[in-house]
PDB file of N, CA and C in Angstrom:
ATOM      1  N   MET A   1     -18.965 -11.132 113.238  1.00  0.00           N
ATOM      2  CA  MET A   1     -17.610 -11.538 113.642  1.00  0.00           C
ATOM      3  C   MET A   1     -17.591 -11.605 115.178  1.00  0.00           C
ATOM      4  N   ASP A   2     -17.234 -12.686 115.711  1.00  0.00           N
ATOM      5  CA  ASP A   2     -17.173 -12.879 117.138  1.00  0.00           C
ATOM      6  C   ASP A   2     -15.906 -12.322 117.706  1.00  0.00           C
ATOM      7  N   GLN A   3     -15.864 -12.196 119.023  1.00  0.00           N
ATOM      8  CA  GLN A   3     -14.667 -11.760 119.688  1.00  0.00           C
ATOM      9  C   GLN A   3     -13.582 -12.851 119.537  1.00  0.00           C
ATOM     10  N   ASP A   4     -13.983 -14.110 119.561  1.00  0.00           N
ATOM     11  CA  ASP A   4     -13.023 -15.245 119.396  1.00  0.00           C
ATOM     12  C   ASP A   4     -12.296 -15.155 118.057  1.00  0.00           C
ATOM     13  N   VAL A   5     -13.034 -14.758 116.996  1.00  0.00           N
ATOM     14  CA  VAL A   5     -12.433 -14.712 115.670  1.00  0.00           C
ATOM     15  C   VAL A   5     -11.436 -13.588 115.620  1.00  0.00           C
ATOM     16  N   VAL A   6     -11.738 -12.460 116.232  1.00  0.00           N
ATOM     17  CA  VAL A   6     -10.812 -11.308 116.228  1.00  0.00           C
ATOM     18  C   VAL A   6      -9.567 -11.686 117.017  1.00  0.00           C
ATOM     19  N   VAL A   7      -9.755 -12.315 118.138  1.00  0.00           N
ATOM     20  CA  VAL A   7      -8.573 -12.730 118.960  1.00  0.00           C
ATOM     21  C   VAL A   7      -7.770 -13.766 118.165  1.00  0.00           C
ATOM     22  N   SER A   8      -8.406 -14.655 117.498  1.00  0.00           N
ATOM     23  CA  SER A   8      -7.660 -15.653 116.724  1.00  0.00           C
ATOM     24  C   SER A   8      -6.877 -14.982 115.550  1.00  0.00           C
ATOM     25  N   LEU A   9      -7.505 -14.074 114.884  1.00  0.00           N
ATOM     26  CA  LEU A   9      -6.817 -13.340 113.796  1.00  0.00           C
ATOM     27  C   LEU A   9      -5.626 -12.536 114.371  1.00  0.00           C
ATOM     28  N   ALA A  10      -5.810 -11.872 115.438  1.00  0.00           N
ATOM     29  CA  ALA A  10      -4.703 -11.082 116.021  1.00  0.00           C
ATOM     30  C   ALA A  10      -3.571 -11.978 116.498  1.00  0.00           C
ATOM     31  N   THR A  11      -3.922 -13.137 117.105  1.00  0.00           N
ATOM     32  CA  THR A  11      -2.899 -14.074 117.546  1.00  0.00           C
ATOM     33  C   THR A  11      -2.105 -14.623 116.380  1.00  0.00           C
ATOM     34  N   THR A  12      -2.798 -14.964 115.315  1.00  0.00           N
ATOM     35  CA  THR A  12      -2.148 -15.507 114.115  1.00  0.00           C
ATOM     36  C   THR A  12      -1.214 -14.444 113.545  1.00  0.00           C
ATOM     37  N   ALA A  13      -1.712 -13.195 113.443  1.00  0.00           N
ATOM     38  CA  ALA A  13      -0.881 -12.144 112.877  1.00  0.00           C
ATOM     39  C   ALA A  13       0.385 -11.852 113.743  1.00  0.00           C
ATOM     40  N   LEU A  14       0.207 -11.902 115.077  1.00  0.00           N
ATOM     41  CA  LEU A  14       1.385 -11.689 115.950  1.00  0.00           C
ATOM     42  C   LEU A  14       2.364 -12.891 115.811  1.00  0.00           C
ATOM     43  N   GLN A  15       1.878 -14.075 115.723  1.00  0.00           N
ATOM     44  CA  GLN A  15       2.744 -15.241 115.582  1.00  0.00           C
ATOM     45  C   GLN A  15       3.514 -15.150 114.249  1.00  0.00           C
ATOM     46  N   LEU A  16       2.842 -14.789 113.203  1.00  0.00           N
ATOM     47  CA  LEU A  16       3.546 -14.547 111.906  1.00  0.00           C
ATOM     48  C   LEU A  16       4.593 -13.481 112.008  1.00  0.00           C
ATOM     49  N   ALA A  17       4.270 -12.354 112.606  1.00  0.00           N
ATOM     50  CA  ALA A  17       5.244 -11.263 112.766  1.00  0.00           C
ATOM     51  C   ALA A  17       6.486 -11.717 113.516  1.00  0.00           C
ATOM     52  N   LEU A  18       6.244 -12.486 114.586  1.00  0.00           N
ATOM     53  CA  LEU A  18       7.374 -13.017 115.383  1.00  0.00           C
ATOM     54  C   LEU A  18       8.189 -14.008 114.575  1.00  0.00           C
ATOM     55  N   LYS A  19       7.510 -14.853 113.840  1.00  0.00           N
ATOM     56  CA  LYS A  19       8.206 -15.882 113.056  1.00  0.00           C
ATOM     57  C   LYS A  19       9.039 -15.244 111.930  1.00  0.00           C
ATOM     58  N   ILE A  20       8.585 -14.107 111.375  1.00  0.00           N
ATOM     59  CA  ILE A  20       9.336 -13.467 110.333  1.00  0.00           C
ATOM     60  C   ILE A  20      10.435 -12.586 110.918  1.00  0.00           C
ATOM     61  N   ALA A  21      10.235 -11.956 112.056  1.00  0.00           N
ATOM     62  CA  ALA A  21      11.246 -11.072 112.625  1.00  0.00           C
ATOM     63  C   ALA A  21      12.327 -11.777 113.386  1.00  0.00           C
ATOM     64  N   LEU A  22      12.001 -13.018 113.827  1.00  0.00           N
ATOM     65  CA  LEU A  22      12.945 -13.703 114.679  1.00  0.00           C
ATOM     66  C   LEU A  22      14.327 -13.954 114.044  1.00  0.00           C
ATOM     67  N   PRO A  23      14.421 -14.384 112.811  1.00  0.00           N
ATOM     68  CA  PRO A  23      15.789 -14.530 112.210  1.00  0.00           C
ATOM     69  C   PRO A  23      16.574 -13.224 112.160  1.00  0.00           C
ATOM     70  N   LEU A  24      15.928 -12.124 111.847  1.00  0.00           N
ATOM     71  CA  LEU A  24      16.650 -10.840 111.785  1.00  0.00           C
ATOM     72  C   LEU A  24      17.074 -10.428 113.217  1.00  0.00           C
ATOM     73  N   LEU A  25      16.185 -10.581 114.169  1.00  0.00           N
ATOM     74  CA  LEU A  25      16.582 -10.213 115.533  1.00  0.00           C
ATOM     75  C   LEU A  25      17.676 -11.138 116.103  1.00  0.00           C
ATOM     76  N   LEU A  26      17.615 -12.390 115.843  1.00  0.00           N
ATOM     77  CA  LEU A  26      18.607 -13.299 116.307  1.00  0.00           C
ATOM     78  C   LEU A  26      19.988 -13.009 115.641  1.00  0.00           C
ATOM     79  N   ALA A  27      20.004 -12.662 114.367  1.00  0.00           N
ATOM     80  CA  ALA A  27      21.247 -12.308 113.727  1.00  0.00           C
ATOM     81  C   ALA A  27      21.856 -11.069 114.331  1.00  0.00           C
ATOM     82  N   GLY A  28      21.044 -10.057 114.581  1.00  0.00           N
ATOM     83  CA  GLY A  28      21.537  -8.842 115.194  1.00  0.00           C
ATOM     84  C   GLY A  28      22.024  -9.068 116.612  1.00  0.00           C
ATOM     85  N   LEU A  29      21.308  -9.913 117.341  1.00  0.00           N
ATOM     86  CA  LEU A  29      21.709 -10.247 118.740  1.00  0.00           C
ATOM     87  C   LEU A  29      23.049 -10.991 118.758  1.00  0.00           C
ATOM     88  N   LEU A  30      23.183 -12.021 117.922  1.00  0.00           N
ATOM     89  CA  LEU A  30      24.417 -12.821 117.924  1.00  0.00           C
ATOM     90  C   LEU A  30      25.623 -12.024 117.445  1.00  0.00           C
ATOM     91  N   ILE A  31      25.345 -11.200 116.410  1.00  0.00           N
ATOM     92  CA  ILE A  31      26.519 -10.398 115.912  1.00  0.00           C
ATOM     93  C   ILE A  31      26.955  -9.381 116.923  1.00  0.00           C
ATOM     94  N   GLY A  32      25.948  -8.768 117.596  1.00  0.00           N
ATOM     95  CA  GLY A  32      26.240  -7.783 118.653  1.00  0.00           C
ATOM     96  C   GLY A  32      26.995  -8.438 119.807  1.00  0.00           C
ATOM     97  N   LEU A  33      26.575  -9.652 120.164  1.00  0.00           N
ATOM     98  CA  LEU A  33      27.247 -10.352 121.250  1.00  0.00           C
ATOM     99  C   LEU A  33      28.718 -10.662 120.887  1.00  0.00           C
ATOM    100  N   PHE A  34      28.951 -11.221 119.666  1.00  0.00           N
ATOM    101  CA  PHE A  34      30.269 -11.541 119.271  1.00  0.00           C
ATOM    102  C   PHE A  34      31.187 -10.309 119.204  1.00  0.00           C
ATOM    103  N   VAL A  35      30.621  -9.218 118.656  1.00  0.00           N
ATOM    104  CA  VAL A  35      31.413  -7.980 118.581  1.00  0.00           C
ATOM    105  C   VAL A  35      31.717  -7.460 120.005  1.00  0.00           C
ATOM    106  N   SER A  36      30.792  -7.570 120.902  1.00  0.00           N
ATOM    107  CA  SER A  36      31.009  -7.136 122.261  1.00  0.00           C
ATOM    108  C   SER A  36      32.101  -7.960 122.947  1.00  0.00           C
ATOM    109  N   ILE A  37      32.028  -9.258 122.739  1.00  0.00           N
ATOM    110  CA  ILE A  37      33.083 -10.150 123.266  1.00  0.00           C
ATOM    111  C   ILE A  37      34.419  -9.795 122.659  1.00  0.00           C
ATOM    112  N   PHE A  38      34.514  -9.535 121.350  1.00  0.00           N
ATOM    113  CA  PHE A  38      35.694  -9.147 120.656  1.00  0.00           C
ATOM    114  C   PHE A  38      36.279  -7.823 121.259  1.00  0.00           C
ATOM    115  N   GLN A  39      35.318  -6.851 121.488  1.00  0.00           N
ATOM    116  CA  GLN A  39      35.774  -5.602 122.086  1.00  0.00           C
ATOM    117  C   GLN A  39      36.268  -5.792 123.495  1.00  0.00           C
ATOM    118  N   ALA A  40      35.664  -6.679 124.272  1.00  0.00           N
ATOM    119  CA  ALA A  40      36.125  -6.912 125.639  1.00  0.00           C
ATOM    120  C   ALA A  40      37.476  -7.612 125.633  1.00  0.00           C
ATOM    121  N   ILE A  41      37.710  -8.491 124.733  1.00  0.00           N
ATOM    122  CA  ILE A  41      38.947  -9.196 124.692  1.00  0.00           C
ATOM    123  C   ILE A  41      40.083  -8.281 124.251  1.00  0.00           C
ATOM    124  N   THR A  42      39.854  -7.452 123.222  1.00  0.00           N
ATOM    125  CA  THR A  42      40.904  -6.609 122.666  1.00  0.00           C
ATOM    126  C   THR A  42      40.943  -5.200 123.339  1.00  0.00           C
ATOM    127  N   GLN A  43      40.009  -4.964 124.201  1.00  0.00           N
ATOM    128  CA  GLN A  43      39.883  -3.685 124.896  1.00  0.00           C
ATOM    129  C   GLN A  43      39.726  -2.491 123.918  1.00  0.00           C
ATOM    130  N   ILE A  44      39.069  -2.762 122.753  1.00  0.00           N
ATOM    131  CA  ILE A  44      38.708  -1.660 121.861  1.00  0.00           C
ATOM    132  C   ILE A  44      37.353  -1.148 122.298  1.00  0.00           C
ATOM    133  N   GLN A  45      37.277   0.092 122.622  1.00  0.00           N
ATOM    134  CA  GLN A  45      36.014   0.667 123.109  1.00  0.00           C
ATOM    135  C   GLN A  45      35.383   1.627 122.120  1.00  0.00           C
ATOM    136  N   GLU A  46      35.385   1.202 120.870  1.00  0.00           N
ATOM    137  CA  GLU A  46      34.746   1.974 119.806  1.00  0.00           C
ATOM    138  C   GLU A  46      33.227   1.649 119.779  1.00  0.00           C
ATOM    139  N   GLN A  47      32.375   2.634 120.001  1.00  0.00           N
ATOM    140  CA  GLN A  47      30.943   2.385 120.019  1.00  0.00           C
ATOM    141  C   GLN A  47      30.336   2.092 118.690  1.00  0.00           C
ATOM    142  N   THR A  48      30.939   2.606 117.640  1.00  0.00           N
ATOM    143  CA  THR A  48      30.372   2.448 116.293  1.00  0.00           C
ATOM    144  C   THR A  48      30.848   1.140 115.610  1.00  0.00           C
ATOM    145  N   LEU A  49      31.644   0.394 116.251  1.00  0.00           N
ATOM    146  CA  LEU A  49      32.216  -0.820 115.611  1.00  0.00           C
ATOM    147  C   LEU A  49      31.157  -1.848 115.290  1.00  0.00           C
ATOM    148  N   VAL A  50      30.097  -1.887 116.041  1.00  0.00           N
ATOM    149  CA  VAL A  50      29.064  -2.953 115.937  1.00  0.00           C
ATOM    150  C   VAL A  50      28.057  -2.695 114.735  1.00  0.00           C
ATOM    151  N   PHE A  51      27.991  -1.454 114.252  1.00  0.00           N
ATOM    152  CA  PHE A  51      26.949  -1.146 113.295  1.00  0.00           C
ATOM    153  C   PHE A  51      27.170  -1.799 111.953  1.00  0.00           C
ATOM    154  N   ILE A  52      28.333  -1.774 111.383  1.00  0.00           N
ATOM    155  CA  ILE A  52      28.565  -2.342 110.084  1.00  0.00           C
ATOM    156  C   ILE A  52      28.378  -3.876 110.105  1.00  0.00           C
ATOM    157  N   PRO A  53      28.900  -4.644 111.091  1.00  0.00           N
ATOM    158  CA  PRO A  53      28.640  -6.027 111.094  1.00  0.00           C
ATOM    159  C   PRO A  53      27.155  -6.400 111.213  1.00  0.00           C
ATOM    160  N   LYS A  54      26.403  -5.605 112.030  1.00  0.00           N
ATOM    161  CA  LYS A  54      24.966  -5.845 112.160  1.00  0.00           C
ATOM    162  C   LYS A  54      24.228  -5.573 110.863  1.00  0.00           C
ATOM    163  N   ILE A  55      24.621  -4.498 110.166  1.00  0.00           N
ATOM    164  CA  ILE A  55      23.929  -4.202 108.887  1.00  0.00           C
ATOM    165  C   ILE A  55      24.236  -5.276 107.893  1.00  0.00           C
ATOM    166  N   LEU A  56      25.485  -5.716 107.839  1.00  0.00           N
ATOM    167  CA  LEU A  56      25.809  -6.800 106.837  1.00  0.00           C
ATOM    168  C   LEU A  56      25.140  -8.116 107.219  1.00  0.00           C
ATOM    169  N   GLY A  57      25.085  -8.412 108.488  1.00  0.00           N
ATOM    170  CA  GLY A  57      24.431  -9.654 108.913  1.00  0.00           C
ATOM    171  C   GLY A  57      22.950  -9.632 108.634  1.00  0.00           C
ATOM    172  N   THR A  58      22.319  -8.470 108.910  1.00  0.00           N
ATOM    173  CA  THR A  58      20.865  -8.393 108.602  1.00  0.00           C
ATOM    174  C   THR A  58      20.605  -8.419 107.124  1.00  0.00           C
ATOM    175  N   ALA A  59      21.464  -7.780 106.314  1.00  0.00           N
ATOM    176  CA  ALA A  59      21.301  -7.885 104.894  1.00  0.00           C
ATOM    177  C   ALA A  59      21.419  -9.309 104.374  1.00  0.00           C
ATOM    178  N   LEU A  60      22.398 -10.070 104.942  1.00  0.00           N
ATOM    179  CA  LEU A  60      22.605 -11.410 104.533  1.00  0.00           C
ATOM    180  C   LEU A  60      21.416 -12.310 104.932  1.00  0.00           C
ATOM    181  N   VAL A  61      20.848 -12.051 106.120  1.00  0.00           N
ATOM    182  CA  VAL A  61      19.682 -12.835 106.530  1.00  0.00           C
ATOM    183  C   VAL A  61      18.496 -12.518 105.579  1.00  0.00           C
ATOM    184  N   LEU A  62      18.348 -11.217 105.227  1.00  0.00           N
ATOM    185  CA  LEU A  62      17.306 -10.826 104.298  1.00  0.00           C
ATOM    186  C   LEU A  62      17.455 -11.442 102.939  1.00  0.00           C
ATOM    187  N   VAL A  63      18.718 -11.523 102.417  1.00  0.00           N
ATOM    188  CA  VAL A  63      18.918 -12.096 101.129  1.00  0.00           C
ATOM    189  C   VAL A  63      18.659 -13.628 101.154  1.00  0.00           C
ATOM    190  N   VAL A  64      19.094 -14.274 102.195  1.00  0.00           N
ATOM    191  CA  VAL A  64      18.932 -15.733 102.319  1.00  0.00           C
ATOM    192  C   VAL A  64      17.462 -16.085 102.678  1.00  0.00           C
ATOM    193  N   GLY A  65      16.923 -15.405 103.659  1.00  0.00           N
ATOM    194  CA  GLY A  65      15.615 -15.775 104.143  1.00  0.00           C
ATOM    195  C   GLY A  65      14.449 -14.937 103.598  1.00  0.00           C
ATOM    196  N   GLY A  66      14.781 -13.965 102.784  1.00  0.00           N
ATOM    197  CA  GLY A  66      13.763 -13.080 102.248  1.00  0.00           C
ATOM    198  C   GLY A  66      12.643 -13.770 101.494  1.00  0.00           C
ATOM    199  N   PRO A  67      12.982 -14.700 100.577  1.00  0.00           N
ATOM    200  CA  PRO A  67      11.962 -15.385  99.839  1.00  0.00           C
ATOM    201  C   PRO A  67      10.995 -16.204 100.751  1.00  0.00           C
ATOM    202  N   TRP A  68      11.548 -16.800 101.801  1.00  0.00           N
ATOM    203  CA  TRP A  68      10.741 -17.525 102.734  1.00  0.00           C
ATOM    204  C   TRP A  68       9.826 -16.550 103.490  1.00  0.00           C
ATOM    205  N   MET A  69      10.373 -15.402 103.873  1.00  0.00           N
ATOM    206  CA  MET A  69       9.577 -14.448 104.691  1.00  0.00           C
ATOM    207  C   MET A  69       8.446 -13.914 103.784  1.00  0.00           C
ATOM    208  N   LEU A  70       8.743 -13.630 102.548  1.00  0.00           N
ATOM    209  CA  LEU A  70       7.761 -13.142 101.620  1.00  0.00           C
ATOM    210  C   LEU A  70       6.674 -14.171 101.359  1.00  0.00           C
ATOM    211  N   ASN A  71       7.080 -15.408 101.203  1.00  0.00           N
ATOM    212  CA  ASN A  71       6.091 -16.521 101.029  1.00  0.00           C
ATOM    213  C   ASN A  71       5.180 -16.652 102.235  1.00  0.00           C
ATOM    214  N   GLN A  72       5.723 -16.521 103.444  1.00  0.00           N
ATOM    215  CA  GLN A  72       4.866 -16.577 104.621  1.00  0.00           C
ATOM    216  C   GLN A  72       3.855 -15.452 104.620  1.00  0.00           C
ATOM    217  N   LEU A  73       4.289 -14.256 104.334  1.00  0.00           N
ATOM    218  CA  LEU A  73       3.369 -13.104 104.324  1.00  0.00           C
ATOM    219  C   LEU A  73       2.297 -13.266 103.281  1.00  0.00           C
ATOM    220  N   LEU A  74       2.742 -13.697 102.066  1.00  0.00           N
ATOM    221  CA  LEU A  74       1.767 -13.867 100.953  1.00  0.00           C
ATOM    222  C   LEU A  74       0.776 -14.929 101.263  1.00  0.00           C
ATOM    223  N   SER A  75       1.193 -16.050 101.819  1.00  0.00           N
ATOM    224  CA  SER A  75       0.228 -17.128 102.138  1.00  0.00           C
ATOM    225  C   SER A  75      -0.742 -16.666 103.231  1.00  0.00           C
ATOM    226  N   TYR A  76      -0.290 -15.897 104.206  1.00  0.00           N
ATOM    227  CA  TYR A  76      -1.198 -15.384 105.252  1.00  0.00           C
ATOM    228  C   TYR A  76      -2.198 -14.380 104.651  1.00  0.00           C
ATOM    229  N   ALA A  77      -1.692 -13.516 103.834  1.00  0.00           N
ATOM    230  CA  ALA A  77      -2.603 -12.552 103.243  1.00  0.00           C
ATOM    231  C   ALA A  77      -3.609 -13.198 102.296  1.00  0.00           C
ATOM    232  N   THR A  78      -3.157 -14.197 101.551  1.00  0.00           N
ATOM    233  CA  THR A  78      -4.091 -14.923 100.674  1.00  0.00           C
ATOM    234  C   THR A  78      -5.189 -15.664 101.435  1.00  0.00           C
ATOM    235  N   GLU A  79      -4.764 -16.326 102.535  1.00  0.00           N
ATOM    236  CA  GLU A  79      -5.729 -16.998 103.393  1.00  0.00           C
ATOM    237  C   GLU A  79      -6.697 -16.032 104.015  1.00  0.00           C
ATOM    238  N   LEU A  80      -6.204 -14.901 104.492  1.00  0.00           N
ATOM    239  CA  LEU A  80      -7.040 -13.909 105.112  1.00  0.00           C
ATOM    240  C   LEU A  80      -7.994 -13.313 104.129  1.00  0.00           C
ATOM    241  N   TRP A  81      -7.505 -13.013 102.927  1.00  0.00           N
ATOM    242  CA  TRP A  81      -8.373 -12.505 101.900  1.00  0.00           C
ATOM    243  C   TRP A  81      -9.467 -13.464 101.473  1.00  0.00           C
ATOM    244  N   ALA A  82      -9.111 -14.733 101.397  1.00  0.00           N
ATOM    245  CA  ALA A  82     -10.068 -15.721 101.013  1.00  0.00           C
ATOM    246  C   ALA A  82     -11.114 -15.977 102.127  1.00  0.00           C
ATOM    247  N   SER A  83     -10.779 -15.712 103.342  1.00  0.00           N
ATOM    248  CA  SER A  83     -11.712 -15.952 104.433  1.00  0.00           C
ATOM    249  C   SER A  83     -12.616 -14.791 104.795  1.00  0.00           C
ATOM    250  N   ILE A  84     -12.499 -13.713 104.013  1.00  0.00           N
ATOM    251  CA  ILE A  84     -13.345 -12.515 104.302  1.00  0.00           C
ATOM    252  C   ILE A  84     -14.850 -12.895 104.182  1.00  0.00           C
ATOM    253  N   PRO A  85     -15.313 -13.650 103.216  1.00  0.00           N
ATOM    254  CA  PRO A  85     -16.740 -13.928 103.195  1.00  0.00           C
ATOM    255  C   PRO A  85     -17.168 -14.716 104.399  1.00  0.00           C
ATOM    256  N   GLN A  86     -16.403 -15.656 104.896  1.00  0.00           N
ATOM    257  CA  GLN A  86     -16.799 -16.405 106.093  1.00  0.00           C
ATOM    258  C   GLN A  86     -16.743 -15.516 107.348  1.00  0.00           C
ATOM    259  N   LEU A  87     -15.818 -14.583 107.389  1.00  0.00           N
ATOM    260  CA  LEU A  87     -15.651 -13.744 108.574  1.00  0.00           C
ATOM    261  C   LEU A  87     -16.834 -12.698 108.625  1.00  0.00           C
ATOM    262  N   THR A  88     -17.239 -12.233 107.507  1.00  0.00           N
ATOM    263  CA  THR A  88     -18.302 -11.192 107.533  1.00  0.00           C
ATOM    264  C   THR A  88     -19.722 -11.841 107.553  1.00  0.00           C
ATOM    265  N   GLY A  89     -19.738 -13.129 107.297  1.00  0.00           N
ATOM    266  CA  GLY A  89     -21.093 -13.802 107.283  1.00  0.00           C
ATOM    267  C   GLY A  89     -21.806 -13.636 106.003  1.00  0.00           C
ATOM    268  N   ALA A  90     -21.120 -13.250 104.912  1.00  0.00           N
ATOM    269  CA  ALA A  90     -21.777 -13.135 103.638  1.00  0.00           C
ATOM    270  C   ALA A  90     -21.896 -14.425 102.894  1.00  0.00           C
TER     271      ALA A  90
END
């Protein structure tokens, strides 16, 4: 196994992790931003107000996008598992 192969596998794994995590992170970011704007407008300074909307938003993204995320992980794992003979030179 060459250094190029290892770098390629690591790059692909990091890209997949980013692609899977991005919807969850964006949902949390947008919900946090909207709650912060709402708090600034209404002058409510409750620090725990943002947790429930973020949890609900993340759960909604997982319910809607979970099958796609799982499919991406399974296809990557299947391709990686199938390429083991070529990677080891067997």
